[in-house]
Protein backbone atom coordinates (compact mmCIF):
# COMPACT_ATOMS: atom_id res chain seq x y z
CA MET A 1 5.88 -46.65 60.89
CA GLU A 2 9.42 -46.94 59.61
CA SER A 3 8.26 -45.62 56.22
CA LEU A 4 6.78 -42.55 57.86
CA GLN A 5 9.95 -41.94 59.80
CA PHE A 6 11.98 -42.29 56.59
CA LEU A 7 9.79 -39.79 54.75
CA GLU A 8 9.94 -37.33 57.63
CA SER A 9 13.71 -37.66 57.80
CA SER A 10 13.98 -37.12 54.01
CA ALA A 11 11.76 -34.05 54.20
CA ASN A 12 13.87 -32.59 56.99
CA GLN A 13 17.05 -33.19 55.00
CA LEU A 14 15.51 -31.55 51.91
CA ARG A 15 14.35 -28.57 53.99
CA ALA A 16 17.77 -28.19 55.51
CA TYR A 17 19.41 -28.35 52.09
CA ALA A 18 17.01 -25.74 50.71
CA ASN A 19 17.64 -23.43 53.68
CA SER A 20 21.36 -23.85 53.26
CA PHE A 21 21.12 -23.13 49.52
CA LEU A 22 18.96 -20.03 50.02
CA SER A 23 21.18 -18.67 52.78
CA ARG A 24 24.23 -19.15 50.57
CA TYR A 25 22.72 -17.74 47.37
CA GLU A 26 20.12 -15.32 48.79
CA PRO A 27 22.05 -12.18 47.71
CA LEU A 28 22.34 -13.57 44.18
CA ALA A 29 18.64 -14.49 44.11
CA LEU A 30 17.66 -11.02 45.28
CA PHE A 31 19.98 -9.48 42.70
CA LEU A 32 18.49 -11.55 39.86
CA ALA A 33 14.87 -11.18 40.94
CA PHE A 34 14.45 -7.68 39.53
CA PRO A 35 15.83 -8.27 36.00
CA PHE A 36 14.00 -11.62 35.91
CA SER A 37 10.72 -9.89 36.72
CA LEU A 38 11.44 -7.30 34.02
CA VAL A 39 12.00 -10.05 31.45
CA VAL A 40 8.82 -11.84 32.49
CA GLY A 41 6.89 -8.56 32.38
CA TRP A 42 8.27 -7.72 28.94
CA PHE A 43 7.38 -11.20 27.67
CA LEU A 44 3.82 -11.01 29.03
CA GLN A 45 3.39 -7.49 27.60
CA SER A 46 4.63 -8.67 24.18
CA VAL A 47 2.24 -11.61 24.26
CA GLY A 48 -0.59 -9.30 25.29
CA HIS A 49 0.15 -6.88 22.43
CA SER A 50 0.37 -9.76 19.96
CA VAL A 51 -2.94 -11.21 21.11
CA HIS A 52 -4.55 -7.75 20.96
CA GLU A 53 -3.22 -7.10 17.46
CA LYS A 54 -3.36 -10.56 15.84
CA GLY A 55 -5.74 -12.57 18.00
CA LEU A 56 -5.07 -15.50 20.32
CA LYS A 57 -5.17 -18.17 17.60
CA THR A 58 -2.64 -16.43 15.34
CA THR A 59 -0.35 -15.65 18.28
CA VAL A 60 -0.33 -19.26 19.50
CA LEU A 61 0.20 -20.65 15.99
CA GLY A 62 3.01 -18.17 15.40
CA PHE A 63 4.70 -19.23 18.65
CA ILE A 64 4.37 -22.91 17.74
CA MET A 65 5.76 -22.37 14.23
CA CYS A 66 8.66 -20.33 15.61
CA SER A 67 9.44 -23.07 18.15
CA ILE A 68 9.27 -25.85 15.55
CA LYS A 69 12.03 -24.15 13.54
CA PHE A 70 14.48 -24.92 16.37
CA VAL A 71 13.96 -28.67 15.98
CA PRO A 72 17.08 -30.14 14.28
CA GLY A 73 16.52 -30.60 10.56
CA VAL A 74 13.20 -28.77 10.45
CA LYS A 75 14.68 -25.40 9.49
CA ASN A 76 16.60 -26.95 6.59
CA TYR A 77 13.42 -28.65 5.40
CA ILE A 78 11.43 -25.39 5.61
CA ASP A 79 14.18 -23.49 3.75
CA ALA A 80 14.13 -26.12 0.98
CA GLU A 81 10.35 -25.86 0.65
CA LYS A 82 10.55 -22.06 0.59
CA LYS A 83 13.10 -22.27 -2.22
CA LYS A 84 10.69 -24.42 -4.24
CA VAL A 85 7.97 -21.81 -3.86
CA VAL A 86 10.33 -18.95 -4.78
CA ASP A 87 11.56 -20.89 -7.82
CA LYS A 88 7.93 -21.43 -8.82
CA LEU A 89 7.24 -17.71 -8.55
CA GLN A 90 10.39 -16.96 -10.52
CA SER A 91 9.38 -19.38 -13.28
CA ASN A 92 6.22 -17.33 -13.78
CA SER A 93 8.15 -14.06 -13.95
CA LYS A 94 10.14 -12.76 -16.90
CA SER A 95 11.96 -10.41 -14.55
CA LYS A 96 14.19 -13.07 -13.02
CA ARG A 97 17.63 -11.69 -12.40
CA GLY A 98 20.24 -13.01 -14.81
CA ASN A 99 19.19 -14.54 -18.12
CA GLY A 100 22.02 -12.79 -19.95
CA TRP A 101 21.67 -9.46 -18.16
CA ARG A 102 24.73 -7.24 -18.60
CA THR A 103 26.99 -6.89 -15.56
CA GLU A 104 29.70 -4.59 -16.95
CA LEU A 105 29.96 -1.51 -19.13
CA PRO A 106 30.59 -2.16 -22.84
CA VAL A 107 34.23 -1.51 -23.72
CA VAL A 108 33.13 0.63 -26.65
CA GLY A 109 29.98 2.67 -26.21
CA LEU A 110 27.05 1.90 -28.49
CA GLY A 111 26.26 5.55 -29.20
CA VAL A 112 22.87 6.07 -30.81
CA GLY A 113 22.83 2.36 -31.60
CA VAL A 114 21.74 1.83 -28.00
CA LEU A 115 18.24 2.91 -29.03
CA GLU A 116 17.83 -0.15 -31.25
CA LYS A 117 19.03 -2.32 -28.37
CA MET A 118 16.36 -0.73 -26.16
CA ARG A 119 13.68 -1.33 -28.80
CA GLU A 120 14.73 -4.97 -28.91
CA ASP A 121 14.40 -5.32 -25.12
CA LYS A 122 11.07 -3.51 -25.15
CA ARG A 123 9.68 -6.17 -27.46
CA ASN A 124 9.94 -8.60 -24.52
CA ASP A 125 7.42 -6.59 -22.47
CA VAL A 126 3.91 -7.92 -22.00
CA VAL A 127 1.28 -6.67 -24.43
CA TRP A 128 -0.55 -4.41 -21.99
CA GLN A 129 -2.84 -2.47 -24.30
CA GLY A 130 -6.38 -2.92 -23.01
CA LYS A 131 -5.74 -5.96 -20.81
CA CYS A 132 -3.95 -4.70 -17.68
CA SER A 133 -5.83 -3.79 -14.52
CA GLY A 134 -4.77 -0.20 -13.85
CA THR A 135 -1.08 0.07 -14.80
CA VAL A 136 -1.50 2.33 -17.85
CA TYR A 137 -4.31 4.86 -17.55
CA ILE A 138 -3.97 6.62 -20.90
CA GLY A 139 -6.27 5.33 -23.66
CA GLY A 140 -8.79 6.15 -26.33
CA SER A 141 -8.31 7.71 -29.74
CA GLU A 142 -5.94 10.34 -28.33
CA THR A 143 -3.50 7.82 -26.81
CA GLU A 144 -0.58 8.36 -29.19
CA GLY A 145 -1.09 12.12 -29.23
CA HIS A 146 -1.07 12.32 -25.43
CA PHE A 147 2.01 10.12 -25.17
CA SER A 148 3.78 12.34 -27.70
CA LEU A 149 2.76 15.47 -25.82
CA ILE A 150 4.05 14.39 -22.39
CA ASN A 151 7.15 12.80 -23.93
CA GLU A 152 8.04 16.08 -25.62
CA ALA A 153 7.36 18.02 -22.42
CA CYS A 154 9.58 15.64 -20.45
CA SER A 155 12.32 15.79 -23.07
CA MET A 156 12.26 19.59 -23.03
CA PHE A 157 12.99 19.64 -19.27
CA ALA A 158 15.08 16.44 -18.94
CA HIS A 159 18.05 18.40 -17.57
CA THR A 160 16.15 20.25 -14.82
CA ASN A 161 16.15 19.74 -11.05
CA PRO A 162 13.82 21.74 -8.76
CA LEU A 163 16.33 21.35 -5.92
CA HIS A 164 18.10 24.26 -7.62
CA MET A 165 15.24 26.72 -7.25
CA ASP A 166 17.37 29.69 -8.25
CA VAL A 167 18.24 28.09 -11.60
CA PHE A 168 15.15 26.25 -12.84
CA HIS A 169 12.38 28.77 -12.23
CA SER A 170 10.13 27.07 -14.79
CA VAL A 171 9.76 23.70 -13.06
CA VAL A 172 9.40 25.40 -9.65
CA LYS A 173 6.45 27.28 -11.13
CA PHE A 174 5.06 24.11 -12.74
CA GLU A 175 5.16 22.27 -9.40
CA ALA A 176 3.41 25.09 -7.56
CA GLU A 177 0.68 25.20 -10.20
CA VAL A 178 0.18 21.39 -10.26
CA VAL A 179 -0.20 21.47 -6.47
CA ALA A 180 -2.62 24.44 -6.61
CA MET A 181 -4.75 22.90 -9.37
CA THR A 182 -4.91 19.59 -7.49
CA ALA A 183 -5.78 21.40 -4.25
CA ALA A 184 -8.63 23.14 -6.06
CA LEU A 185 -10.10 19.73 -6.88
CA MET A 186 -9.82 18.82 -3.19
CA GLY A 187 -11.88 21.76 -1.93
CA SER A 188 -9.39 24.60 -1.51
CA GLN A 189 -11.71 26.96 -3.42
CA GLU A 190 -14.81 26.08 -1.40
CA LYS A 191 -16.06 28.95 0.77
CA SER A 192 -16.87 26.48 3.56
CA TYR A 193 -13.21 25.52 3.83
CA GLY A 194 -11.46 28.83 4.35
CA GLY A 195 -8.01 27.35 5.01
CA GLN A 196 -4.78 27.47 3.05
CA ILE A 197 -4.07 24.08 1.48
CA CYS A 198 -0.43 23.55 0.54
CA GLY A 199 1.72 20.65 -0.60
CA ASN A 200 4.44 19.29 -2.86
CA MET A 201 4.89 16.91 -5.74
CA THR A 202 6.40 13.50 -5.03
CA SER A 203 7.57 10.42 -6.90
CA GLY A 204 4.32 8.52 -6.34
CA GLY A 205 1.56 7.62 -3.92
CA THR A 206 3.86 5.75 -1.56
CA GLU A 207 6.14 8.75 -1.09
CA SER A 208 3.11 11.01 -0.62
CA ILE A 209 1.81 8.70 2.11
CA LEU A 210 5.24 8.40 3.74
CA LEU A 211 5.58 12.18 3.90
CA ALA A 212 2.07 12.62 5.29
CA VAL A 213 2.76 10.07 8.03
CA LYS A 214 6.14 11.59 8.89
CA SER A 215 4.68 15.10 9.01
CA SER A 216 1.78 13.93 11.18
CA ARG A 217 4.18 12.21 13.57
CA ASP A 218 6.36 15.27 14.03
CA PHE A 219 3.40 17.66 14.14
CA MET A 220 1.76 15.65 16.93
CA LYS A 221 5.05 15.44 18.81
CA ALA A 222 5.33 19.22 18.74
CA ARG A 223 1.65 19.72 19.52
CA LYS A 224 1.03 17.04 22.16
CA GLY A 225 4.47 15.73 23.12
CA ILE A 226 3.85 12.22 21.73
CA VAL A 227 7.15 10.30 21.64
CA ARG A 228 5.80 6.73 21.17
CA PRO A 229 3.53 7.34 18.17
CA GLU A 230 0.80 4.98 16.97
CA MET A 231 -1.47 5.11 13.94
CA ILE A 232 -4.67 3.25 13.14
CA ILE A 233 -5.66 2.13 9.66
CA PRO A 234 -8.43 -0.09 8.25
CA GLN A 235 -7.45 -3.47 6.81
CA SER A 236 -8.16 -2.15 3.32
CA ALA A 237 -5.65 0.72 3.60
CA HIS A 238 -2.63 0.65 1.31
CA SER A 239 0.51 -1.25 2.31
CA ALA A 240 2.46 2.03 2.13
CA TYR A 241 1.33 2.66 5.72
CA ASP A 242 3.11 -0.52 6.82
CA LYS A 243 6.21 0.79 5.10
CA ALA A 244 5.83 4.17 6.83
CA ALA A 245 5.41 2.45 10.21
CA GLN A 246 8.66 0.55 9.69
CA TYR A 247 10.58 3.55 8.37
CA PHE A 248 9.45 6.00 11.04
CA ASN A 249 9.18 3.68 14.07
CA ILE A 250 5.42 4.05 14.50
CA LYS A 251 3.19 1.42 16.08
CA LEU A 252 0.63 0.35 13.49
CA TRP A 253 -2.84 -0.98 14.28
CA ARG A 254 -4.61 -2.51 11.26
CA VAL A 255 -8.32 -2.77 12.12
CA PRO A 256 -10.85 -5.07 10.36
CA VAL A 257 -13.34 -3.37 8.03
CA ASN A 258 -17.11 -3.56 8.46
CA THR A 259 -19.53 -5.76 6.53
CA GLU A 260 -19.56 -3.20 3.70
CA PHE A 261 -15.74 -3.41 3.47
CA GLN A 262 -15.40 0.17 4.73
CA ALA A 263 -13.31 1.51 7.60
CA ASP A 264 -15.17 0.67 10.82
CA THR A 265 -15.21 3.91 12.81
CA ALA A 266 -16.38 2.22 16.02
CA SER A 267 -13.53 -0.32 15.85
CA ILE A 268 -10.98 2.41 15.11
CA ARG A 269 -12.24 4.40 18.11
CA ARG A 270 -11.46 1.45 20.41
CA TYR A 271 -7.79 1.61 19.42
CA VAL A 272 -7.34 5.35 20.00
CA ASN A 273 -5.16 6.18 23.00
CA LYS A 274 -2.83 8.91 24.28
CA ASN A 275 -0.15 7.89 21.73
CA THR A 276 -2.37 7.98 18.65
CA ILE A 277 -1.14 10.49 16.08
CA LEU A 278 -3.07 9.51 12.96
CA ILE A 279 -6.07 7.66 11.57
CA VAL A 280 -6.56 6.88 7.89
CA GLY A 281 -9.37 6.69 5.35
CA SER A 282 -9.29 5.88 1.63
CA ALA A 283 -11.33 7.33 -1.21
CA PRO A 284 -11.50 4.73 -2.53
CA GLY A 285 -9.57 1.79 -1.09
CA PHE A 286 -7.40 0.01 -3.65
CA PRO A 287 -8.76 -3.53 -3.08
CA HIS A 288 -12.49 -2.99 -3.63
CA GLY A 289 -12.96 0.57 -4.91
CA ILE A 290 -15.05 1.52 -1.86
CA ILE A 291 -14.92 4.94 -0.18
CA ASP A 292 -14.45 4.94 3.59
CA PRO A 293 -16.81 7.08 5.75
CA ILE A 294 -14.57 10.15 5.69
CA GLU A 295 -17.06 12.39 7.51
CA GLU A 296 -17.30 9.94 10.42
CA LEU A 297 -13.52 9.62 10.55
CA GLY A 298 -13.23 13.42 10.50
CA LYS A 299 -15.50 13.72 13.53
CA LEU A 300 -13.47 11.06 15.31
CA ALA A 301 -10.19 12.83 14.54
CA LEU A 302 -11.58 16.14 15.78
CA SER A 303 -12.91 14.64 19.00
CA TYR A 304 -9.48 13.25 19.91
CA ASP A 305 -7.45 16.11 18.37
CA ILE A 306 -5.47 13.77 16.08
CA CYS A 307 -4.60 13.82 12.39
CA LEU A 308 -6.67 12.27 9.60
CA HIS A 309 -5.07 11.36 6.28
CA VAL A 310 -7.27 10.62 3.26
CA ASP A 311 -5.71 8.44 0.58
CA LEU A 312 -6.94 9.75 -2.77
CA CYS A 313 -4.07 8.28 -4.78
CA LEU A 314 -6.55 6.39 -6.92
CA GLY A 315 -9.61 8.63 -6.71
CA GLY A 316 -8.16 12.14 -6.80
CA PHE A 317 -8.68 12.66 -10.53
CA VAL A 318 -11.99 10.78 -10.71
CA LEU A 319 -14.16 11.53 -7.67
CA PRO A 320 -14.35 15.34 -8.07
CA PHE A 321 -15.48 14.89 -11.67
CA ALA A 322 -17.78 11.94 -10.90
CA SER A 323 -19.49 14.13 -8.32
CA LYS A 324 -19.99 16.89 -10.92
CA LEU A 325 -21.48 14.29 -13.27
CA GLY A 326 -24.12 13.38 -10.68
CA TYR A 327 -22.76 10.12 -9.30
CA PRO A 328 -23.59 9.64 -5.58
CA ILE A 329 -20.11 10.36 -4.20
CA PRO A 330 -19.90 10.94 -0.41
CA LEU A 331 -17.77 13.82 0.91
CA PHE A 332 -14.08 13.01 0.83
CA ASP A 333 -12.06 16.26 0.60
CA PHE A 334 -10.81 19.13 2.78
CA THR A 335 -14.34 20.43 3.25
CA VAL A 336 -14.70 17.56 5.74
CA GLN A 337 -13.75 18.91 9.15
CA GLY A 338 -10.88 16.92 10.65
CA VAL A 339 -9.01 16.06 7.42
CA THR A 340 -5.39 17.19 7.83
CA SER A 341 -3.64 15.67 4.78
CA MET A 342 -4.26 13.93 1.46
CA SER A 343 -2.32 12.01 -1.17
CA VAL A 344 -3.34 12.31 -4.84
CA ASP A 345 -1.61 10.54 -7.73
CA VAL A 346 -1.40 12.54 -10.93
CA HIS A 347 0.16 9.61 -12.83
CA LYS A 348 -3.02 7.54 -12.58
CA TYR A 349 -6.25 9.12 -13.80
CA GLY A 350 -4.51 12.48 -14.10
CA LEU A 351 -2.74 10.86 -17.11
CA ALA A 352 0.64 12.35 -16.17
CA PRO A 353 3.95 10.52 -16.69
CA LYS A 354 4.80 7.80 -14.18
CA GLY A 355 6.44 9.07 -11.03
CA THR A 356 4.14 12.02 -10.24
CA SER A 357 1.94 12.43 -7.19
CA VAL A 358 0.91 15.25 -4.84
CA VAL A 359 0.82 15.35 -1.04
CA LEU A 360 -1.48 18.05 0.38
CA TYR A 361 -1.86 19.51 3.87
CA LYS A 362 -4.60 21.47 5.57
CA ASN A 363 -2.16 24.28 6.38
CA HIS A 364 1.48 25.30 6.44
CA GLU A 365 1.83 24.54 10.14
CA ILE A 366 1.56 20.81 9.42
CA ARG A 367 3.55 20.83 6.17
CA LYS A 368 6.58 22.45 7.83
CA HIS A 369 7.17 19.15 9.61
CA GLN A 370 7.69 17.50 6.23
CA PHE A 371 10.84 19.51 5.51
CA VAL A 372 14.40 18.66 6.55
CA ALA A 373 16.80 21.55 7.24
CA VAL A 374 20.52 21.01 7.92
CA THR A 375 22.57 23.91 9.32
CA GLU A 376 25.93 22.32 10.29
CA TRP A 377 27.00 20.63 7.05
CA THR A 378 30.33 21.78 5.59
CA GLY A 379 28.64 21.71 2.19
CA GLY A 380 26.52 24.70 3.16
CA LEU A 381 23.02 25.30 4.41
CA TYR A 382 20.62 22.65 3.13
CA VAL A 383 16.85 22.27 3.09
CA SER A 384 14.77 19.72 1.19
CA PRO A 385 10.96 19.39 1.00
CA THR A 386 10.57 15.69 0.12
CA ILE A 387 12.37 12.37 0.62
CA ALA A 388 14.39 12.88 -2.55
CA GLY A 389 17.02 15.61 -2.74
CA SER A 390 17.45 15.97 -6.47
CA ARG A 391 14.17 15.45 -8.29
CA PRO A 392 13.42 14.98 -11.99
CA GLY A 393 12.03 18.29 -13.20
CA ASN A 394 10.97 16.66 -16.47
CA LEU A 395 8.28 14.63 -14.66
CA ILE A 396 6.93 17.77 -13.03
CA ALA A 397 6.81 19.42 -16.45
CA GLY A 398 5.10 16.36 -17.91
CA ALA A 399 2.42 16.41 -15.19
CA TRP A 400 1.80 20.12 -15.73
CA ALA A 401 1.54 19.58 -19.50
CA ALA A 402 -0.94 16.70 -19.04
CA MET A 403 -3.23 18.65 -16.73
CA MET A 404 -3.18 21.77 -18.87
CA ALA A 405 -3.72 19.83 -22.11
CA ILE A 406 -6.72 17.84 -20.80
CA GLY A 407 -8.45 20.53 -18.76
CA LEU A 408 -11.70 20.32 -16.79
CA GLU A 409 -13.85 19.27 -19.74
CA GLY A 410 -11.37 16.56 -20.75
CA TYR A 411 -11.30 15.03 -17.26
CA LEU A 412 -15.09 15.14 -17.09
CA GLU A 413 -15.39 13.24 -20.36
CA ASN A 414 -12.74 10.71 -19.32
CA THR A 415 -14.54 10.14 -16.03
CA ARG A 416 -17.88 9.67 -17.80
CA GLU A 417 -16.37 6.97 -20.02
CA ILE A 418 -14.57 5.00 -17.32
CA MET A 419 -17.45 5.21 -14.83
CA GLU A 420 -19.86 3.89 -17.47
CA ALA A 421 -17.42 1.12 -18.40
CA SER A 422 -16.97 0.08 -14.76
CA LYS A 423 -20.75 -0.04 -14.24
CA ARG A 424 -21.13 -2.22 -17.34
CA ILE A 425 -18.45 -4.59 -16.01
CA GLN A 426 -20.16 -4.65 -12.61
CA ARG A 427 -23.48 -5.60 -14.18
CA GLY A 428 -21.79 -8.23 -16.33
CA VAL A 429 -20.05 -9.84 -13.34
CA GLN A 430 -23.34 -9.91 -11.44
CA ASN A 431 -24.87 -11.86 -14.33
CA ILE A 432 -22.27 -14.62 -13.88
CA HIS A 433 -23.99 -16.61 -11.14
CA GLU A 434 -20.82 -18.27 -9.83
CA LEU A 435 -19.33 -14.85 -9.00
CA SER A 436 -20.25 -12.14 -6.51
CA ILE A 437 -19.20 -8.48 -6.25
CA ILE A 438 -17.25 -7.52 -3.13
CA GLY A 439 -19.17 -4.70 -1.41
CA ARG A 440 -20.64 -1.80 -3.37
CA PRO A 441 -17.96 -0.21 -5.56
CA ASP A 442 -18.02 3.59 -5.60
CA MET A 443 -15.61 4.16 -8.41
CA THR A 444 -13.72 2.35 -11.18
CA ILE A 445 -12.62 -0.81 -9.39
CA VAL A 446 -14.74 -3.96 -9.58
CA ALA A 447 -13.68 -6.72 -7.18
CA PHE A 448 -15.31 -10.13 -7.25
CA GLY A 449 -14.96 -13.55 -5.65
CA SER A 450 -16.79 -16.88 -5.53
CA ASN A 451 -18.21 -19.30 -3.00
CA VAL A 452 -18.42 -22.20 -5.44
CA LEU A 453 -15.04 -22.25 -7.22
CA ASP A 454 -11.42 -21.16 -6.75
CA ILE A 455 -11.26 -17.54 -7.90
CA PHE A 456 -7.48 -17.77 -8.27
CA GLU A 457 -7.93 -20.56 -10.81
CA VAL A 458 -10.25 -18.22 -12.71
CA ASN A 459 -7.50 -15.60 -12.55
CA ASP A 460 -4.99 -18.08 -14.01
CA ILE A 461 -7.32 -18.83 -16.93
CA MET A 462 -7.80 -15.10 -17.52
CA SER A 463 -4.00 -14.69 -17.47
CA SER A 464 -3.70 -17.36 -20.16
CA LYS A 465 -6.06 -15.22 -22.25
CA GLY A 466 -3.76 -12.21 -21.84
CA TRP A 467 -5.55 -10.39 -18.99
CA HIS A 468 -3.53 -9.11 -16.03
CA LEU A 469 -5.82 -8.69 -13.01
CA ASN A 470 -5.05 -8.11 -9.33
CA ALA A 471 -5.31 -10.99 -6.85
CA LEU A 472 -6.69 -10.02 -3.42
CA GLN A 473 -7.09 -11.70 -0.03
CA LYS A 474 -9.39 -11.45 3.01
CA PRO A 475 -11.59 -12.46 1.22
CA ASN A 476 -9.99 -14.27 -1.71
CA SER A 477 -10.96 -12.32 -4.82
CA ILE A 478 -9.64 -10.53 -7.90
CA HIS A 479 -10.32 -7.09 -9.27
CA ILE A 480 -10.04 -5.02 -12.39
CA CYS A 481 -9.16 -1.34 -12.15
CA VAL A 482 -10.94 0.18 -15.14
CA THR A 483 -9.03 2.72 -17.24
CA LEU A 484 -9.53 4.36 -20.60
CA GLN A 485 -7.78 1.31 -22.08
CA HIS A 486 -10.77 -0.84 -21.11
CA VAL A 487 -13.58 1.31 -22.51
CA PRO A 488 -13.60 -0.38 -25.95
CA VAL A 489 -12.97 -3.92 -24.64
CA VAL A 490 -15.63 -4.33 -21.92
CA ASP A 491 -17.53 -6.96 -23.92
CA ASP A 492 -14.30 -8.90 -24.60
CA PHE A 493 -13.48 -8.89 -20.88
CA LEU A 494 -16.89 -10.18 -19.86
CA LYS A 495 -16.84 -12.84 -22.57
CA ASP A 496 -13.42 -14.11 -21.48
CA LEU A 497 -14.41 -13.98 -17.81
CA LYS A 498 -17.56 -16.03 -18.43
CA GLU A 499 -15.58 -18.60 -20.41
CA SER A 500 -12.89 -18.76 -17.69
CA VAL A 501 -15.49 -19.40 -14.99
CA GLN A 502 -17.04 -22.17 -17.09
CA THR A 503 -13.60 -23.73 -17.70
CA VAL A 504 -12.83 -23.85 -13.98
CA LYS A 505 -16.33 -25.13 -13.26
CA ASP A 506 -15.95 -27.96 -15.79
CA ASN A 507 -12.32 -28.75 -14.92
CA PRO A 508 -11.56 -27.67 -11.33
CA GLY A 509 -7.93 -27.73 -10.32
CA PRO A 510 -4.90 -25.53 -10.99
CA ILE A 511 -3.58 -25.20 -14.52
CA SER A 512 0.06 -25.91 -15.29
CA GLY A 513 2.19 -22.87 -14.61
CA GLY A 514 -0.57 -21.00 -12.78
CA LEU A 515 -0.21 -19.25 -9.45
CA ALA A 516 -3.48 -20.42 -7.87
CA PRO A 517 -1.78 -23.10 -5.70
CA ILE A 518 0.70 -20.54 -4.34
CA TYR A 519 -2.00 -17.97 -3.57
CA GLY A 520 -4.13 -20.66 -1.99
CA ALA A 521 -1.29 -22.02 0.14
CA ALA A 522 -0.23 -18.55 1.24
CA GLY A 523 -3.77 -17.76 2.36
CA LYS A 524 -3.87 -20.88 4.55
CA MET A 525 -0.41 -20.52 6.13
CA PRO A 526 -0.82 -19.63 9.83
CA ASP A 527 2.73 -18.32 10.07
CA ARG A 528 2.40 -14.98 8.28
CA ALA A 529 6.06 -14.24 9.01
CA MET A 530 6.94 -17.15 6.72
CA VAL A 531 4.77 -15.68 3.96
CA GLY A 532 6.68 -12.42 4.41
CA GLU A 533 9.98 -14.31 4.14
CA LEU A 534 8.80 -15.88 0.87
CA LEU A 535 7.98 -12.45 -0.57
CA ILE A 536 11.35 -11.05 0.50
CA ASP A 537 13.22 -14.04 -0.96
CA PHE A 538 11.30 -13.59 -4.23
CA MET A 539 12.17 -9.88 -4.36
CA ASP A 540 15.80 -10.55 -3.42
CA ASN A 541 16.11 -12.89 -6.38
CA SER A 542 14.34 -10.52 -8.79
CA CYS A 543 16.37 -7.33 -8.52
């Protein structure tokens, strides 16, 4: 009985204390309730977005990893381990900053003697002829002649800058003609199109994509009043879209591909909302050489009145010609209703000098949002079409020279050779039982993985034989992007690949100096932010 009385008395005292506290601090509690609820709401919304975008498992693991870093000593340990990985990456790269690199101007200029110094440095470059995936697209018996041709064209216009349109009429004309000739390949001459395709030359595929995204953002803001823009891309889309999302403050949704490794239209549809400005398709995607269902994406874009960009950076100077040669190429160009912009690299299969690409738009109404005009600068009135102000006119001239020198028949023959070579490689990979082709390649990329051995170990063995292939993830695989360089060495590639597979099969485990352990570890790390930090640290120490 006394115990009950004691408990009751204690409860009354606690209640009285609580009432006294609330009466004293009630104004403060009421004042703090609103911002507290906003913080809680913001936190729950952020968690919801993270779960929606990354999944519950990844979100929880990310939160745990982030929390662990606050434990005393853990952050220092993680930083030390990261440094080991970065040092490992650096040890496999000849581009490590330092190593006797010059940091000051020579007191006395070298004059023409600098050319010998450059030849000496060039001798340190990797022997790329015939063994690099992509990278250098010029090849065949005409290699030296084509290099000489574009080098002379570039040299002739090395002093020019199309920013000064009133001075350098020649390169302004060259740019317009490169854009028009590229647009013709993309359907501008088809009677079914009937629009007015326009565009500009850029420094490469990434700039073309950036400009297309920026133009789509501003076009949709003017058209539909969208101020919190979002874009939706398949997992296989190029990383340039991530860069564009960061640069232009656009919410990016990266959607898983279907079982054929194509953009999944149904999944993309589920992400479309009132803020969507743009969806993306690739022809083909860089990882696996597979063309997305552009017609389906076009219908989706039309139904929601949003933009559709088609990435033809890799396929622009192959697919039109492959189609003419009779290969079963699905529709990919401006004849597809709903396509509003495209990016096409001339410096890949167009065989132009590096640093040349084209961004194309369905009409001038969209392209106008690419331009920047400044009216209040004391330096005068200013308008610029691309990200760069001054641009190298010599590269424009080199691209024009390449396209004019090769011509329609030349591109058709090049396409015939590289398509045949890629099909031979595909058949050869299929005959290596430990390997399997990823999807059904449409073009000149052959990606392959394995369920019975570590494909990154195979890649390391191939690297030791002088081959430079591309490592991929989701799923773990490697690919070769077939160019004219590879046409005469297909049998050598398949022989070395078969031997590399057998070596890994007989002696599983990473080779000394290989990158397989790093790729493998990165693929298993749940904290993707940490993987990003590793990449940034590597880049920060390389340039």
